[in-house]
Amino acid sequence: MDWTLEVVIVPVNDLDRSIAFYRDQVGFALDHDTRSDSMHIAQLTPRGSGCSIVIGSLPSQNEMAPGSLHGLQLVVADAAAARNELISRGVEASEITVFDERDGGTFFGFADPDGNTWAVQQIKARGEKPLIPLDARQRFGAEQEV
């Protein structure tokens, strides 16, 4: 039996600001933005990922303080290109650090407006063999950008 991690709750203060940050600056796809009189939640997914983030006002989302989630990790095929993309969209990103010359040893980081932090790891093999094949990238009936 597979056990897949598909959603991580990210605690934030301002949902609209966070949606704009993750969608417009970081480049995550906005899968849905659901509002009612009693709640507001949004799900966003990084391109090529099988795991999404959820931000919102449900009780489980309010149990963590905004900005208290640290060390979420994204993986990219080219750290320099990913960092440049984020910077071009107005995201402050740390310098690239190479901990190990082997593939997987290169990182940089960034934070969202609330202070939740992300590490970005370079694994060059992801460019040649993504975890989710390009022809299998469909979520909620709409194809994601590649």
C-alpha atoms as a PDB file:
ATOM      1  CA  MET A   1       0.000   0.000   0.000  1.00  0.00           C
ATOM      2  CA  ASP A   2       1.346   3.454  -0.966  1.00  0.00           C
ATOM      3  CA  TRP A   3       1.249   6.243   1.577  1.00  0.00           C
ATOM      4  CA  THR A   4       1.574   9.534  -0.252  1.00  0.00           C
ATOM      5  CA  LEU A   5       2.064  12.958   1.264  1.00  0.00           C
ATOM      6  CA  GLU A   6      -0.240  15.182  -0.756  1.00  0.00           C
ATOM      7  CA  VAL A   7      -1.046  18.228   1.396  1.00  0.00           C
ATOM      8  CA  VAL A   8       0.941  20.347   3.848  1.00  0.00           C
ATOM      9  CA  ILE A   9      -0.834  23.042   5.842  1.00  0.00           C
ATOM     10  CA  VAL A  10       1.064  26.347   5.863  1.00  0.00           C
ATOM     11  CA  PRO A  11      -0.027  28.793   8.581  1.00  0.00           C
ATOM     12  CA  VAL A  12      -0.475  32.360   7.327  1.00  0.00           C
ATOM     13  CA  ASN A  13      -2.042  35.632   8.498  1.00  0.00           C
ATOM     14  CA  ASP A  14      -3.524  37.041   5.301  1.00  0.00           C
ATOM     15  CA  LEU A  15      -4.921  34.503   2.829  1.00  0.00           C
ATOM     16  CA  ASP A  16      -5.227  36.841  -0.138  1.00  0.00           C
ATOM     17  CA  ARG A  17      -1.660  38.106   0.316  1.00  0.00           C
ATOM     18  CA  SER A  18      -0.418  34.520   0.653  1.00  0.00           C
ATOM     19  CA  ILE A  19      -2.311  33.334  -2.420  1.00  0.00           C
ATOM     20  CA  ALA A  20      -0.764  36.176  -4.409  1.00  0.00           C
ATOM     21  CA  PHE A  21       2.720  35.371  -3.064  1.00  0.00           C
ATOM     22  CA  TYR A  22       2.629  31.638  -3.761  1.00  0.00           C
ATOM     23  CA  ARG A  23       0.776  31.939  -7.092  1.00  0.00           C
ATOM     24  CA  ASP A  24       2.258  35.093  -8.620  1.00  0.00           C
ATOM     25  CA  GLN A  25       5.723  35.259  -7.095  1.00  0.00           C
ATOM     26  CA  VAL A  26       6.677  31.640  -6.387  1.00  0.00           C
ATOM     27  CA  GLY A  27       4.728  30.239  -9.345  1.00  0.00           C
ATOM     28  CA  PHE A  28       2.545  27.600  -7.669  1.00  0.00           C
ATOM     29  CA  ALA A  29      -0.696  26.678  -9.458  1.00  0.00           C
ATOM     30  CA  LEU A  30      -3.840  27.768  -7.619  1.00  0.00           C
ATOM     31  CA  ASP A  31      -5.896  24.565  -7.570  1.00  0.00           C
ATOM     32  CA  HIS A  32      -8.833  26.111  -5.742  1.00  0.00           C
ATOM     33  CA  ASP A  33      -9.820  29.095  -3.631  1.00  0.00           C
ATOM     34  CA  THR A  34     -12.943  28.298  -1.613  1.00  0.00           C
ATOM     35  CA  ARG A  35     -14.818  30.904   0.396  1.00  0.00           C
ATOM     36  CA  SER A  36     -17.988  30.783   2.454  1.00  0.00           C
ATOM     37  CA  ASP A  37     -19.414  32.666   5.404  1.00  0.00           C
ATOM     38  CA  SER A  38     -17.545  30.386   7.813  1.00  0.00           C
ATOM     39  CA  MET A  39     -14.219  29.668   6.096  1.00  0.00           C
ATOM     40  CA  HIS A  40     -11.688  30.517   3.415  1.00  0.00           C
ATOM     41  CA  ILE A  41      -9.169  27.966   2.143  1.00  0.00           C
ATOM     42  CA  ALA A  42      -6.894  27.726  -0.870  1.00  0.00           C
ATOM     43  CA  GLN A  43      -4.804  24.898  -2.253  1.00  0.00           C
ATOM     44  CA  LEU A  44      -1.702  25.611  -4.333  1.00  0.00           C
ATOM     45  CA  THR A  45       0.698  23.160  -5.967  1.00  0.00           C
ATOM     46  CA  PRO A  46       4.287  23.611  -7.148  1.00  0.00           C
ATOM     47  CA  ARG A  47       4.777  22.710 -10.834  1.00  0.00           C
ATOM     48  CA  GLY A  48       5.639  19.023 -11.095  1.00  0.00           C
ATOM     49  CA  SER A  49       4.729  18.214  -7.496  1.00  0.00           C
ATOM     50  CA  GLY A  50       2.381  15.583  -6.146  1.00  0.00           C
ATOM     51  CA  CYS A  51       2.116  17.528  -2.888  1.00  0.00           C
ATOM     52  CA  SER A  52       0.189  20.778  -2.423  1.00  0.00           C
ATOM     53  CA  ILE A  53       0.052  23.407   0.264  1.00  0.00           C
ATOM     54  CA  VAL A  54      -3.205  24.484   1.870  1.00  0.00           C
ATOM     55  CA  ILE A  55      -3.688  27.849   3.519  1.00  0.00           C
ATOM     56  CA  GLY A  56      -6.852  28.913   5.222  1.00  0.00           C
ATOM     57  CA  SER A  57      -9.018  29.532   8.217  1.00  0.00           C
ATOM     58  CA  LEU A  58     -10.136  26.033   9.216  1.00  0.00           C
ATOM     59  CA  PRO A  59      -9.518  25.008  12.855  1.00  0.00           C
ATOM     60  CA  SER A  60      -6.568  22.727  11.970  1.00  0.00           C
ATOM     61  CA  GLN A  61      -4.971  25.601  10.095  1.00  0.00           C
ATOM     62  CA  ASN A  62      -5.363  27.924  13.065  1.00  0.00           C
ATOM     63  CA  GLU A  63      -3.551  25.571  15.456  1.00  0.00           C
ATOM     64  CA  MET A  64      -0.137  26.725  14.180  1.00  0.00           C
ATOM     65  CA  ALA A  65       1.043  30.303  14.469  1.00  0.00           C
ATOM     66  CA  PRO A  66       1.547  32.086  11.143  1.00  0.00           C
ATOM     67  CA  GLY A  67       5.202  31.881  10.158  1.00  0.00           C
ATOM     68  CA  SER A  68       5.942  28.896  12.407  1.00  0.00           C
ATOM     69  CA  LEU A  69       6.579  26.344   9.649  1.00  0.00           C
ATOM     70  CA  HIS A  70      10.277  26.097   8.835  1.00  0.00           C
ATOM     71  CA  GLY A  71      12.323  24.002   6.462  1.00  0.00           C
ATOM     72  CA  LEU A  72       9.754  22.924   3.888  1.00  0.00           C
ATOM     73  CA  GLN A  73      11.809  21.655   0.984  1.00  0.00           C
ATOM     74  CA  LEU A  74      11.364  22.020  -2.746  1.00  0.00           C
ATOM     75  CA  VAL A  75      13.550  20.257  -5.319  1.00  0.00           C
ATOM     76  CA  VAL A  76      14.579  21.757  -8.674  1.00  0.00           C
ATOM     77  CA  ALA A  77      16.851  20.650 -11.500  1.00  0.00           C
ATOM     78  CA  ASP A  78      18.753  23.963 -11.583  1.00  0.00           C
ATOM     79  CA  ALA A  79      19.139  26.005  -8.394  1.00  0.00           C
ATOM     80  CA  ALA A  80      20.593  29.064 -10.126  1.00  0.00           C
ATOM     81  CA  ALA A  81      17.730  29.232 -12.637  1.00  0.00           C
ATOM     82  CA  ALA A  82      15.124  28.690  -9.894  1.00  0.00           C
ATOM     83  CA  ARG A  83      16.686  31.371  -7.694  1.00  0.00           C
ATOM     84  CA  ASN A  84      16.833  33.819 -10.612  1.00  0.00           C
ATOM     85  CA  GLU A  85      13.167  33.116 -11.406  1.00  0.00           C
ATOM     86  CA  LEU A  86      12.127  33.865  -7.827  1.00  0.00           C
ATOM     87  CA  ILE A  87      14.227  37.021  -7.644  1.00  0.00           C
ATOM     88  CA  SER A  88      12.774  38.245 -10.961  1.00  0.00           C
ATOM     89  CA  ARG A  89       9.313  37.866  -9.379  1.00  0.00           C
ATOM     90  CA  GLY A  90      10.282  39.885  -6.297  1.00  0.00           C
ATOM     91  CA  VAL A  91      11.032  37.045  -3.868  1.00  0.00           C
ATOM     92  CA  GLU A  92      14.021  37.566  -1.591  1.00  0.00           C
ATOM     93  CA  ALA A  93      16.201  34.449  -1.774  1.00  0.00           C
ATOM     94  CA  SER A  94      19.410  33.555   0.008  1.00  0.00           C
ATOM     95  CA  GLU A  95      22.638  32.962  -1.822  1.00  0.00           C
ATOM     96  CA  ILE A  96      23.220  29.476  -3.194  1.00  0.00           C
ATOM     97  CA  THR A  97      25.249  27.247  -0.877  1.00  0.00           C
ATOM     98  CA  VAL A  98      27.025  24.107  -2.003  1.00  0.00           C
ATOM     99  CA  PHE A  99      27.331  21.716   0.938  1.00  0.00           C
ATOM    100  CA  ASP A 100      28.492  18.835  -1.233  1.00  0.00           C
ATOM    101  CA  GLU A 101      29.621  18.855  -4.875  1.00  0.00           C
ATOM    102  CA  ARG A 102      27.580  15.727  -5.576  1.00  0.00           C
ATOM    103  CA  ASP A 103      24.073  16.092  -6.966  1.00  0.00           C
ATOM    104  CA  GLY A 104      21.714  17.036  -4.134  1.00  0.00           C
ATOM    105  CA  GLY A 105      24.237  19.102  -2.169  1.00  0.00           C
ATOM    106  CA  THR A 106      23.271  22.557  -3.492  1.00  0.00           C
ATOM    107  CA  PHE A 107      20.656  24.694  -1.706  1.00  0.00           C
ATOM    108  CA  PHE A 108      19.189  28.164  -1.295  1.00  0.00           C
ATOM    109  CA  GLY A 109      16.209  29.396   0.682  1.00  0.00           C
ATOM    110  CA  PHE A 110      13.383  31.903   0.858  1.00  0.00           C
ATOM    111  CA  ALA A 111      10.552  32.870   3.197  1.00  0.00           C
ATOM    112  CA  ASP A 112       6.921  33.798   2.628  1.00  0.00           C
ATOM    113  CA  PRO A 113       5.524  37.120   3.932  1.00  0.00           C
ATOM    114  CA  ASP A 114       4.664  35.506   7.288  1.00  0.00           C
ATOM    115  CA  GLY A 115       8.119  33.993   7.828  1.00  0.00           C
ATOM    116  CA  ASN A 116       7.447  30.352   6.875  1.00  0.00           C
ATOM    117  CA  THR A 117      10.740  29.191   5.382  1.00  0.00           C
ATOM    118  CA  TRP A 118      11.547  27.055   2.382  1.00  0.00           C
ATOM    119  CA  ALA A 119      14.744  25.280   1.347  1.00  0.00           C
ATOM    120  CA  VAL A 120      15.309  24.675  -2.354  1.00  0.00           C
ATOM    121  CA  GLN A 121      17.556  21.729  -3.192  1.00  0.00           C
ATOM    122  CA  GLN A 122      19.121  21.146  -6.593  1.00  0.00           C
ATOM    123  CA  ILE A 123      18.907  17.611  -7.946  1.00  0.00           C
ATOM    124  CA  LYS A 124      19.947  17.787 -11.598  1.00  0.00           C
ATOM    125  CA  ALA A 125      18.409  14.376 -12.323  1.00  0.00           C
ATOM    126  CA  ARG A 126      14.930  15.939 -11.892  1.00  0.00           C
ATOM    127  CA  GLY A 127      15.458  17.724 -15.212  1.00  0.00           C
ATOM    128  CA  GLU A 128      15.950  14.449 -17.071  1.00  0.00           C
ATOM    129  CA  LYS A 129      13.613  12.244 -15.063  1.00  0.00           C
ATOM    130  CA  PRO A 130      10.936  14.146 -13.116  1.00  0.00           C
ATOM    131  CA  LEU A 131       9.167  12.329 -10.289  1.00  0.00           C
ATOM    132  CA  ILE A 132       5.837  12.894 -12.032  1.00  0.00           C
ATOM    133  CA  PRO A 133       6.177  12.314 -15.795  1.00  0.00           C
ATOM    134  CA  LEU A 134       5.151  15.273 -17.948  1.00  0.00           C
ATOM    135  CA  ASP A 135       2.314  13.324 -19.570  1.00  0.00           C
ATOM    136  CA  ALA A 136       0.827  12.505 -16.144  1.00  0.00           C
ATOM    137  CA  ARG A 137       0.587  16.074 -14.835  1.00  0.00           C
ATOM    138  CA  GLN A 138      -3.099  16.667 -14.427  1.00  0.00           C
ATOM    139  CA  ARG A 139      -4.809  17.985 -11.320  1.00  0.00           C
ATOM    140  CA  PHE A 140      -8.521  18.508 -10.953  1.00  0.00           C
ATOM    141  CA  GLY A 141      -9.055  18.022 -14.682  1.00  0.00           C
ATOM    142  CA  ALA A 142      -6.748  20.849 -15.774  1.00  0.00           C
ATOM    143  CA  GLU A 143      -3.236  20.330 -17.053  1.00  0.00           C
ATOM    144  CA  GLN A 144      -0.491  22.150 -15.178  1.00  0.00           C
ATOM    145  CA  GLU A 145       2.132  24.263 -16.885  1.00  0.00           C
ATOM    146  CA  VAL A 146       5.378  22.492 -17.639  1.00  0.00           C
END
